[in-house]
């Protein structure tokens, strides 16, 4: 999980700069090891922070829009992963253990070898994430005459009537082109660790997270955001663990932008950074509010835009406080109250607070499709896909072991097979009479 934090890559202190510039030895000559810290210009600082805010807004906005389409997709590759209240409650604990584990790894083992292993791992994940992000764009760029062949990657378990799908991934030639382009970016990142390649992967991770991670309701979102609020404040203000890991972790889990870009161009090396956790965590809550707006079937997107503006306000406040006090700030300290408080106030004003908290994201189904009254707890995972297939087989009676069950109440209407079976049984009764 990405660290939810924002760390100033360059926080110049006047005293330290003066000490470095005025350091002298006993003979009055300047010390050879005295070096001055880089002091960012106001223009460079404004450009860096403004770019970080803009890059943070992109995956939230487009990821939220794509989450609406994703919630109605039947393709297992695009099915969302639903976060329940139990998952939300455990998340800060798991994140804390992971963060402290990384901190210990960096203290005990060589940072070089750890980052090499992580680079290879995130290379694979980054290529897949960037390919998935580019896929809709490529579908629009390629002409209709492009020979687009369909492929399917299917993994099953068992045989015969007990066969279950584990992975069912459908792709086409356009997706393969996206994979090749993403691999080029991945090689560039692996060899050069350039900040542009890092940001391309980081944006892809953030957009995929907002698109594919779905909160099942607003209460779950409040639990998750509240828990990570405490997590972020503790690990940034209470210890140096968060800052140490963020600066040592050479992986695309953060967006960076150089403050010395105007002086050094693309070879700049003094970065301001923003953790992906500060984008994805509020982003999935904003995406939930967009889906709530869609469920209201109104022309306006009141709750989405109010939470989106609240995120801009919270992130701007984070940067202002960080720049003023020259100290790393837990961004969720400002983002959580803003992203939760603004929509709640709007809901109170509109008289829709109860409706907002009673909304269940898992109730979204395609128009005209049979509606299930119960859904898997985690959508899109291999276990939930197998559970979904079991539920369907129970209804259709394809499994002999479950033929005696009567699960027709799961559907609003009986299936055609059941209706035919009832007709056959009634005709046999008449003949016996």
Protein backbone atom coordinates (compact mmCIF):
# COMPACT_ATOMS: atom_id res chain seq x y z
CA UNK A 1 0.00 0.00 0.00
CA UNK A 2 1.32 3.48 -0.89
CA UNK A 3 2.26 5.76 2.00
CA UNK A 4 -0.39 8.43 2.51
CA UNK A 5 1.86 11.44 2.96
CA UNK A 6 3.35 14.48 1.37
CA UNK A 7 7.01 15.17 2.00
CA UNK A 8 8.88 18.28 0.95
CA UNK A 9 11.90 17.08 -0.99
CA UNK A 10 13.63 20.38 -0.33
CA UNK A 11 12.86 22.32 2.88
CA UNK A 12 15.71 24.84 3.15
CA UNK A 13 16.52 26.17 6.57
CA UNK A 14 18.22 29.55 6.74
CA UNK A 15 20.49 28.58 9.61
CA UNK A 16 21.75 25.46 7.89
CA UNK A 17 22.47 27.37 4.69
CA UNK A 18 24.38 30.09 6.54
CA UNK A 19 26.39 27.51 8.50
CA UNK A 20 27.34 25.73 5.28
CA UNK A 21 28.34 28.94 3.52
CA UNK A 22 30.28 30.36 6.45
CA UNK A 23 31.97 27.14 7.61
CA UNK A 24 35.74 27.72 8.04
CA UNK A 25 38.64 25.79 9.53
CA UNK A 26 41.08 27.04 12.18
CA UNK A 27 43.24 28.86 9.60
CA UNK A 28 40.29 30.85 8.32
CA UNK A 29 40.10 28.99 5.03
CA UNK A 30 36.78 27.61 3.77
CA UNK A 31 36.14 23.98 4.71
CA UNK A 32 36.22 21.65 1.72
CA UNK A 33 33.21 19.64 2.84
CA UNK A 34 30.95 22.62 3.39
CA UNK A 35 28.17 22.52 0.84
CA UNK A 36 25.08 24.69 0.63
CA UNK A 37 21.63 23.22 0.27
CA UNK A 38 19.66 24.01 -2.82
CA UNK A 39 17.22 26.85 -2.25
CA UNK A 40 14.23 26.65 -4.59
CA UNK A 41 13.10 29.85 -6.24
CA UNK A 42 9.51 30.99 -5.67
CA UNK A 43 8.76 30.27 -9.32
CA UNK A 44 10.23 26.76 -9.13
CA UNK A 45 8.34 25.99 -5.92
CA UNK A 46 5.04 27.24 -7.33
CA UNK A 47 5.55 25.23 -10.52
CA UNK A 48 6.36 22.04 -8.59
CA UNK A 49 3.42 22.26 -6.20
CA UNK A 50 1.01 23.37 -8.90
CA UNK A 51 2.06 20.41 -11.07
CA UNK A 52 1.61 17.98 -8.18
CA UNK A 53 -1.92 19.25 -7.55
CA UNK A 54 -2.78 19.00 -11.25
CA UNK A 55 -1.37 15.46 -11.51
CA UNK A 56 -3.27 14.42 -8.39
CA UNK A 57 -6.57 15.64 -9.83
CA UNK A 58 -6.22 13.74 -13.12
CA UNK A 59 -6.50 10.15 -11.77
CA UNK A 60 -9.27 11.13 -9.35
CA UNK A 61 -11.42 12.78 -12.01
CA UNK A 62 -10.97 10.23 -14.78
CA UNK A 63 -10.77 7.28 -12.39
CA UNK A 64 -14.13 8.25 -10.87
CA UNK A 65 -15.71 8.50 -14.32
CA UNK A 66 -14.32 5.11 -15.28
CA UNK A 67 -15.49 3.60 -11.99
CA UNK A 68 -19.11 4.16 -13.06
CA UNK A 69 -18.53 2.15 -16.23
CA UNK A 70 -16.47 -0.40 -14.29
CA UNK A 71 -19.33 -1.04 -11.84
CA UNK A 72 -21.51 -2.19 -14.75
CA UNK A 73 -18.90 -4.31 -16.51
CA UNK A 74 -19.31 -8.07 -16.93
CA UNK A 75 -15.68 -8.61 -17.93
CA UNK A 76 -13.73 -10.12 -15.04
CA UNK A 77 -10.69 -8.00 -15.99
CA UNK A 78 -12.69 -4.83 -15.33
CA UNK A 79 -14.70 -5.97 -12.32
CA UNK A 80 -14.14 -3.80 -9.25
CA UNK A 81 -12.76 -4.95 -5.92
CA UNK A 82 -15.26 -4.00 -3.22
CA UNK A 83 -13.99 -2.78 0.16
CA UNK A 84 -16.28 -3.76 3.05
CA UNK A 85 -16.46 -2.20 6.51
CA UNK A 86 -14.35 -5.06 7.91
CA UNK A 87 -11.68 -4.45 5.26
CA UNK A 88 -11.75 -0.73 6.04
CA UNK A 89 -11.29 -1.32 9.78
CA UNK A 90 -8.32 -3.63 9.25
CA UNK A 91 -6.67 -1.48 6.59
CA UNK A 92 -4.78 0.96 8.90
CA UNK A 93 -3.38 -1.95 10.92
CA UNK A 94 -2.17 -3.78 7.82
CA UNK A 95 -0.73 -0.56 6.39
CA UNK A 96 1.09 0.18 9.66
CA UNK A 97 2.65 -3.30 9.77
CA UNK A 98 3.73 -3.00 6.14
CA UNK A 99 5.19 0.46 6.65
CA UNK A 100 7.14 -0.52 9.77
CA UNK A 101 8.32 -3.71 8.08
CA UNK A 102 9.74 -1.70 5.19
CA UNK A 103 11.38 0.66 7.66
CA UNK A 104 13.13 -2.26 9.38
CA UNK A 105 14.18 -3.72 6.03
CA UNK A 106 15.83 -0.46 5.03
CA UNK A 107 17.60 -0.30 8.42
CA UNK A 108 18.88 -3.90 8.39
CA UNK A 109 19.50 -4.71 4.73
CA UNK A 110 21.25 -2.84 1.96
CA UNK A 111 19.00 -0.22 0.42
CA UNK A 112 20.47 -0.90 -3.02
CA UNK A 113 19.37 -4.55 -3.18
CA UNK A 114 15.94 -3.86 -1.74
CA UNK A 115 15.25 -1.17 -4.32
CA UNK A 116 16.51 -3.42 -7.11
CA UNK A 117 14.02 -6.12 -6.12
CA UNK A 118 11.21 -3.56 -5.78
CA UNK A 119 12.08 -2.04 -9.15
CA UNK A 120 11.58 -5.36 -10.92
CA UNK A 121 8.32 -5.97 -9.05
CA UNK A 122 6.89 -2.54 -9.83
CA UNK A 123 8.12 -2.81 -13.42
CA UNK A 124 5.72 -5.71 -14.01
CA UNK A 125 2.85 -4.03 -12.14
CA UNK A 126 3.50 -0.69 -13.82
CA UNK A 127 3.45 -2.15 -17.33
CA UNK A 128 0.10 -3.85 -16.68
CA UNK A 129 -1.40 -0.77 -14.99
CA UNK A 130 -0.26 1.62 -17.73
CA UNK A 131 -1.53 -0.76 -20.42
CA UNK A 132 -4.95 -0.91 -18.77
CA UNK A 133 -5.00 2.88 -18.47
CA UNK A 134 -4.13 3.43 -22.13
CA UNK A 135 -6.57 0.85 -23.50
CA UNK A 136 -9.69 3.09 -23.84
CA UNK A 137 -7.61 5.83 -25.48
CA UNK A 138 -6.09 3.44 -28.00
CA UNK A 139 -9.54 2.13 -28.90
CA UNK A 140 -10.44 5.63 -30.06
CA UNK A 141 -7.16 6.31 -31.86
CA UNK A 142 -7.07 3.16 -33.98
CA UNK A 143 -9.25 3.28 -37.14
CA UNK A 144 -12.14 0.88 -37.63
CA UNK A 145 -10.21 -0.83 -40.45
CA UNK A 146 -7.50 -1.92 -37.99
CA UNK A 147 -7.40 -5.76 -37.83
CA UNK A 148 -8.39 -6.21 -34.21
CA UNK A 149 -8.39 -9.87 -33.19
CA UNK A 150 -9.93 -11.08 -29.94
CA UNK A 151 -8.06 -13.25 -27.42
CA UNK A 152 -9.02 -14.89 -24.16
CA UNK A 153 -6.86 -16.07 -21.29
CA UNK A 154 -8.84 -18.63 -19.29
CA UNK A 155 -7.70 -20.57 -16.22
CA UNK A 156 -10.05 -23.14 -14.72
CA UNK A 157 -9.94 -25.50 -11.78
CA UNK A 158 -11.35 -29.02 -11.77
CA UNK A 159 -13.08 -30.82 -14.61
CA UNK A 160 -16.55 -31.78 -15.73
CA UNK A 161 -19.44 -30.44 -13.71
CA UNK A 162 -17.14 -29.26 -10.90
CA UNK A 163 -15.07 -27.01 -13.22
CA UNK A 164 -14.67 -23.47 -11.89
CA UNK A 165 -13.24 -20.35 -13.50
CA UNK A 166 -10.24 -18.86 -11.73
CA UNK A 167 -9.18 -16.22 -14.28
CA UNK A 168 -11.09 -15.16 -17.36
CA UNK A 169 -9.24 -12.31 -19.07
CA UNK A 170 -10.33 -11.05 -22.49
CA UNK A 171 -8.10 -8.82 -24.61
CA UNK A 172 -7.50 -7.89 -28.23
CA UNK A 173 -4.78 -6.66 -30.58
CA UNK A 174 -5.16 -3.07 -29.39
CA UNK A 175 -4.44 -4.19 -25.84
CA UNK A 176 -1.26 -5.89 -27.06
CA UNK A 177 -0.14 -2.61 -28.67
CA UNK A 178 -0.74 -0.87 -25.34
CA UNK A 179 1.32 -3.55 -23.62
CA UNK A 180 4.27 -2.95 -25.97
CA UNK A 181 4.17 0.83 -25.41
CA UNK A 182 3.92 0.33 -21.65
CA UNK A 183 6.89 -2.05 -21.75
CA UNK A 184 9.01 0.65 -23.42
CA UNK A 185 8.13 3.06 -20.59
CA UNK A 186 8.90 0.29 -18.10
CA UNK A 187 12.38 -0.33 -19.53
CA UNK A 188 13.01 3.43 -19.47
CA UNK A 189 12.06 3.54 -15.78
CA UNK A 190 14.07 0.42 -14.94
CA UNK A 191 17.24 1.72 -16.56
CA UNK A 192 17.10 5.46 -15.88
CA UNK A 193 14.64 5.87 -12.98
CA UNK A 194 13.64 9.11 -14.67
CA UNK A 195 11.01 11.15 -12.86
CA UNK A 196 8.74 11.34 -15.93
CA UNK A 197 8.65 7.53 -16.22
CA UNK A 198 8.02 7.36 -12.46
CA UNK A 199 5.06 9.73 -12.82
CA UNK A 200 3.58 7.80 -15.75
CA UNK A 201 3.55 4.63 -13.66
CA UNK A 202 2.35 6.52 -10.58
CA UNK A 203 -0.57 8.09 -12.46
CA UNK A 204 -1.49 4.68 -13.88
CA UNK A 205 -1.46 3.11 -10.41
CA UNK A 206 -3.58 5.91 -8.98
CA UNK A 207 -6.13 5.85 -11.80
CA UNK A 208 -6.47 2.07 -11.62
CA UNK A 209 -6.88 2.27 -7.86
CA UNK A 210 -9.69 4.83 -8.05
CA UNK A 211 -11.35 2.91 -10.89
CA UNK A 212 -11.15 -0.64 -9.54
CA UNK A 213 -11.31 -0.17 -5.74
CA UNK A 214 -14.93 0.44 -4.76
CA UNK A 215 -16.31 1.31 -1.35
CA UNK A 216 -19.62 -0.44 -0.80
CA UNK A 217 -21.20 2.49 1.06
CA UNK A 218 -20.47 5.89 2.59
CA UNK A 219 -20.17 4.48 6.13
CA UNK A 220 -17.34 2.20 4.98
CA UNK A 221 -15.66 5.20 3.39
CA UNK A 222 -15.85 7.12 6.66
CA UNK A 223 -14.34 4.17 8.55
CA UNK A 224 -11.48 3.85 6.04
CA UNK A 225 -10.73 7.56 5.89
CA UNK A 226 -10.98 7.94 9.67
CA UNK A 227 -8.61 5.05 10.31
CA UNK A 228 -6.05 6.26 7.81
CA UNK A 229 -6.39 9.78 9.23
CA UNK A 230 -5.03 8.47 12.55
CA UNK A 231 -2.48 6.28 10.74
CA UNK A 232 -1.09 9.20 8.73
CA UNK A 233 -0.88 11.63 11.65
CA UNK A 234 0.83 9.09 13.92
CA UNK A 235 3.48 7.91 11.46
CA UNK A 236 4.37 11.41 10.25
CA UNK A 237 4.23 13.45 13.48
CA UNK A 238 4.89 10.67 16.00
CA UNK A 239 7.89 9.02 14.30
CA UNK A 240 10.29 9.46 11.41
CA UNK A 241 9.21 6.13 9.86
CA UNK A 242 6.97 7.54 7.14
CA UNK A 243 9.44 10.14 5.94
CA UNK A 244 12.36 7.70 6.02
CA UNK A 245 10.54 5.07 3.96
CA UNK A 246 9.23 7.64 1.47
CA UNK A 247 12.72 8.99 0.82
CA UNK A 248 14.38 5.54 0.68
CA UNK A 249 11.71 3.75 -1.35
CA UNK A 250 12.71 3.98 -5.03
CA UNK A 251 9.43 2.85 -6.55
CA UNK A 252 6.62 4.63 -8.44
CA UNK A 253 4.42 4.89 -5.34
CA UNK A 254 4.63 8.68 -5.35
CA UNK A 255 4.34 11.55 -7.80
CA UNK A 256 7.39 13.80 -7.98
CA UNK A 257 8.14 17.09 -9.65
CA UNK A 258 11.47 18.97 -9.62
CA UNK A 259 11.70 22.37 -7.98
CA UNK A 260 14.80 23.16 -10.02
CA UNK A 261 13.21 22.42 -13.40
CA UNK A 262 13.62 26.01 -14.56
CA UNK A 263 17.34 25.90 -13.80
CA UNK A 264 18.29 22.36 -14.89
CA UNK A 265 15.52 21.30 -17.26
CA UNK A 266 14.62 17.61 -17.48
CA UNK A 267 17.81 16.66 -15.62
CA UNK A 268 16.57 18.36 -12.45
CA UNK A 269 17.03 16.40 -9.25
CA UNK A 270 15.49 18.35 -6.36
CA UNK A 271 11.96 17.02 -6.00
CA UNK A 272 8.76 17.74 -4.19
CA UNK A 273 6.68 14.59 -3.79
CA UNK A 274 3.15 13.41 -3.09
CA UNK A 275 2.35 9.84 -1.99
CA UNK A 276 -0.16 7.89 -4.05
CA UNK A 277 -2.10 7.12 -0.87
CA UNK A 278 -3.07 10.79 -0.68
CA UNK A 279 -4.65 10.39 -4.12
CA UNK A 280 -6.18 6.92 -4.10
CA UNK A 281 -7.75 6.94 -0.61
CA UNK A 282 -9.74 10.18 -1.04
CA UNK A 283 -10.22 9.30 -4.71
CA UNK A 284 -12.18 6.10 -4.08
CA UNK A 285 -14.47 8.03 -1.71
CA UNK A 286 -15.03 10.72 -4.36
CA UNK A 287 -15.74 8.00 -6.95
CA UNK A 288 -18.34 6.50 -4.58
CA UNK A 289 -20.09 9.86 -4.37
CA UNK A 290 -20.14 10.08 -8.16
CA UNK A 291 -21.85 6.70 -8.34
CA UNK A 292 -24.30 7.96 -5.71
CA UNK A 293 -25.01 10.97 -7.93
CA UNK A 294 -25.68 8.61 -10.83
CA UNK A 295 -28.04 6.53 -8.69
CA UNK A 296 -30.10 9.63 -7.91
CA UNK A 297 -30.79 9.93 -11.66
CA UNK A 298 -30.44 13.69 -11.64
CA UNK A 299 -28.69 15.81 -14.23
CA UNK A 300 -26.40 17.35 -11.60
CA UNK A 301 -23.30 15.79 -10.02
CA UNK A 302 -23.55 17.76 -6.79
CA UNK A 303 -21.76 15.41 -4.41
CA UNK A 304 -18.99 14.55 -6.84
CA UNK A 305 -18.11 18.18 -7.55
CA UNK A 306 -18.41 19.21 -3.89
CA UNK A 307 -16.01 16.45 -2.80
CA UNK A 308 -13.71 17.17 -5.75
CA UNK A 309 -13.48 20.84 -4.78
CA UNK A 310 -13.00 19.78 -1.15
CA UNK A 311 -10.01 17.67 -2.23
CA UNK A 312 -8.45 20.66 -4.01
CA UNK A 313 -8.98 22.77 -0.89
CA UNK A 314 -7.49 20.12 1.42
CA UNK A 315 -4.45 19.51 -0.78
CA UNK A 316 -3.84 23.23 -1.16
CA UNK A 317 -4.03 23.65 2.61
CA UNK A 318 -1.52 20.82 3.05
CA UNK A 319 0.97 22.48 0.72
CA UNK A 320 0.48 25.86 2.40
CA UNK A 321 1.12 24.49 5.90
CA UNK A 322 4.08 22.40 4.70
CA UNK A 323 5.66 25.36 2.92
CA UNK A 324 5.06 27.64 5.89
CA UNK A 325 6.48 25.36 8.62
CA UNK A 326 9.09 23.63 6.44
CA UNK A 327 8.09 20.21 7.78
CA UNK A 328 6.55 17.09 6.30
CA UNK A 329 2.77 17.08 6.66
CA UNK A 330 0.30 14.16 6.77
CA UNK A 331 -1.93 15.17 3.87
CA UNK A 332 -4.86 13.10 5.15
CA UNK A 333 -4.95 15.35 8.21
CA UNK A 334 -6.41 18.01 5.93
CA UNK A 335 -7.94 15.90 3.16
CA UNK A 336 -10.15 13.65 5.30
CA UNK A 337 -12.13 16.41 7.08
CA UNK A 338 -12.54 18.29 3.81
CA UNK A 339 -13.58 15.32 1.62
CA UNK A 340 -16.02 13.97 4.21
CA UNK A 341 -17.26 17.24 5.69
CA UNK A 342 -18.14 19.08 2.48
CA UNK A 343 -20.45 16.37 1.02
CA UNK A 344 -22.13 15.81 4.41
CA UNK A 345 -22.90 19.52 4.70
CA UNK A 346 -24.30 19.51 1.15
CA UNK A 347 -26.42 16.44 1.95
CA UNK A 348 -27.78 18.13 5.09
CA UNK A 349 -28.62 21.22 3.08
CA UNK A 350 -30.40 19.12 0.41
CA UNK A 351 -32.13 16.89 2.96
CA UNK A 352 -30.49 13.75 1.48
CA UNK A 353 -28.19 12.72 4.33
CA UNK A 354 -30.13 9.55 5.14
CA UNK A 355 -30.34 8.66 1.48
CA UNK A 356 -26.60 9.14 1.04
CA UNK A 357 -25.67 6.89 3.98
CA UNK A 358 -28.19 4.22 2.97
CA UNK A 359 -26.82 4.02 -0.58
CA UNK A 360 -25.18 0.69 -1.41
CA UNK A 361 -22.75 0.70 -4.33
CA UNK A 362 -23.17 -3.07 -4.82
CA UNK A 363 -26.82 -2.55 -5.82
CA UNK A 364 -25.80 -1.27 -9.24
CA UNK A 365 -26.81 -3.70 -11.99
CA UNK A 366 -27.19 -3.50 -15.72
CA UNK A 367 -30.65 -2.51 -16.98
CA UNK A 368 -32.75 -5.55 -17.83
CA UNK A 369 -30.45 -8.04 -16.13
CA UNK A 370 -31.71 -10.42 -13.41
CA UNK A 371 -31.13 -8.83 -10.04
CA UNK A 372 -29.46 -10.77 -7.23
CA UNK A 373 -30.44 -9.98 -3.67
CA UNK A 374 -27.01 -10.95 -2.38
CA UNK A 375 -23.58 -10.30 -3.86
CA UNK A 376 -20.07 -11.59 -3.18
CA UNK A 377 -18.27 -9.62 -0.50
CA UNK A 378 -15.26 -8.92 -2.72
CA UNK A 379 -16.11 -8.48 -6.38
CA UNK A 380 -13.64 -9.43 -9.07
CA UNK A 381 -11.32 -11.65 -7.05
CA UNK A 382 -10.87 -15.30 -8.07
CA UNK A 383 -12.72 -16.48 -4.98
CA UNK A 384 -15.68 -14.21 -5.63
CA UNK A 385 -15.83 -15.24 -9.28
CA UNK A 386 -16.02 -18.88 -8.24
CA UNK A 387 -18.70 -18.02 -5.68
CA UNK A 388 -20.68 -16.19 -8.34
CA UNK A 389 -20.54 -19.24 -10.61
CA UNK A 390 -21.68 -21.45 -7.72
CA UNK A 391 -24.66 -19.17 -7.13
CA UNK A 392 -25.66 -19.34 -10.79
CA UNK A 393 -25.29 -23.12 -10.87
CA UNK A 394 -27.52 -23.36 -7.80
CA UNK A 395 -30.23 -21.42 -9.61
CA UNK A 396 -30.05 -23.27 -12.92
CA UNK A 397 -29.63 -26.67 -11.27
CA UNK A 398 -26.53 -27.58 -13.27
CA UNK A 399 -24.95 -29.30 -10.29
CA UNK A 400 -26.60 -32.61 -9.20
CA UNK A 401 -25.52 -32.10 -5.61
CA UNK A 402 -27.56 -28.90 -5.35
CA UNK A 403 -30.55 -29.91 -7.42
CA UNK A 404 -32.72 -30.28 -4.33
CA UNK A 405 -32.17 -26.67 -3.22
CA UNK A 406 -34.77 -24.03 -4.08
CA UNK A 407 -32.85 -20.78 -4.59
CA UNK A 408 -35.38 -19.21 -6.98
CA UNK A 409 -36.08 -16.54 -4.38
CA UNK A 410 -32.69 -15.04 -5.27
CA UNK A 411 -34.24 -13.84 -8.51
CA UNK A 412 -37.33 -11.74 -9.03
CA UNK A 413 -38.60 -14.14 -11.69
CA UNK A 414 -38.23 -17.90 -12.28
CA UNK A 415 -35.84 -19.04 -14.96
CA UNK A 416 -37.16 -20.62 -18.22
CA UNK A 417 -35.68 -24.00 -17.22
CA UNK A 418 -37.65 -24.03 -13.97
CA UNK A 419 -40.88 -23.06 -15.75
CA UNK A 420 -40.42 -25.93 -18.23
CA UNK A 421 -39.71 -28.35 -15.37
CA UNK A 422 -42.92 -27.28 -13.63
CA UNK A 423 -44.94 -27.83 -16.85
CA UNK A 424 -43.50 -31.34 -17.28
CA UNK A 425 -44.33 -32.28 -13.69
CA UNK A 426 -47.92 -31.02 -14.02
CA UNK A 427 -48.46 -33.03 -17.24
CA UNK A 428 -47.16 -36.23 -15.61
CA UNK A 429 -49.55 -35.74 -12.67
CA UNK A 430 -52.49 -35.39 -15.06
CA UNK A 431 -51.58 -38.64 -16.84
CA UNK A 432 -51.38 -40.51 -13.50
CA UNK A 433 -54.84 -39.27 -12.62
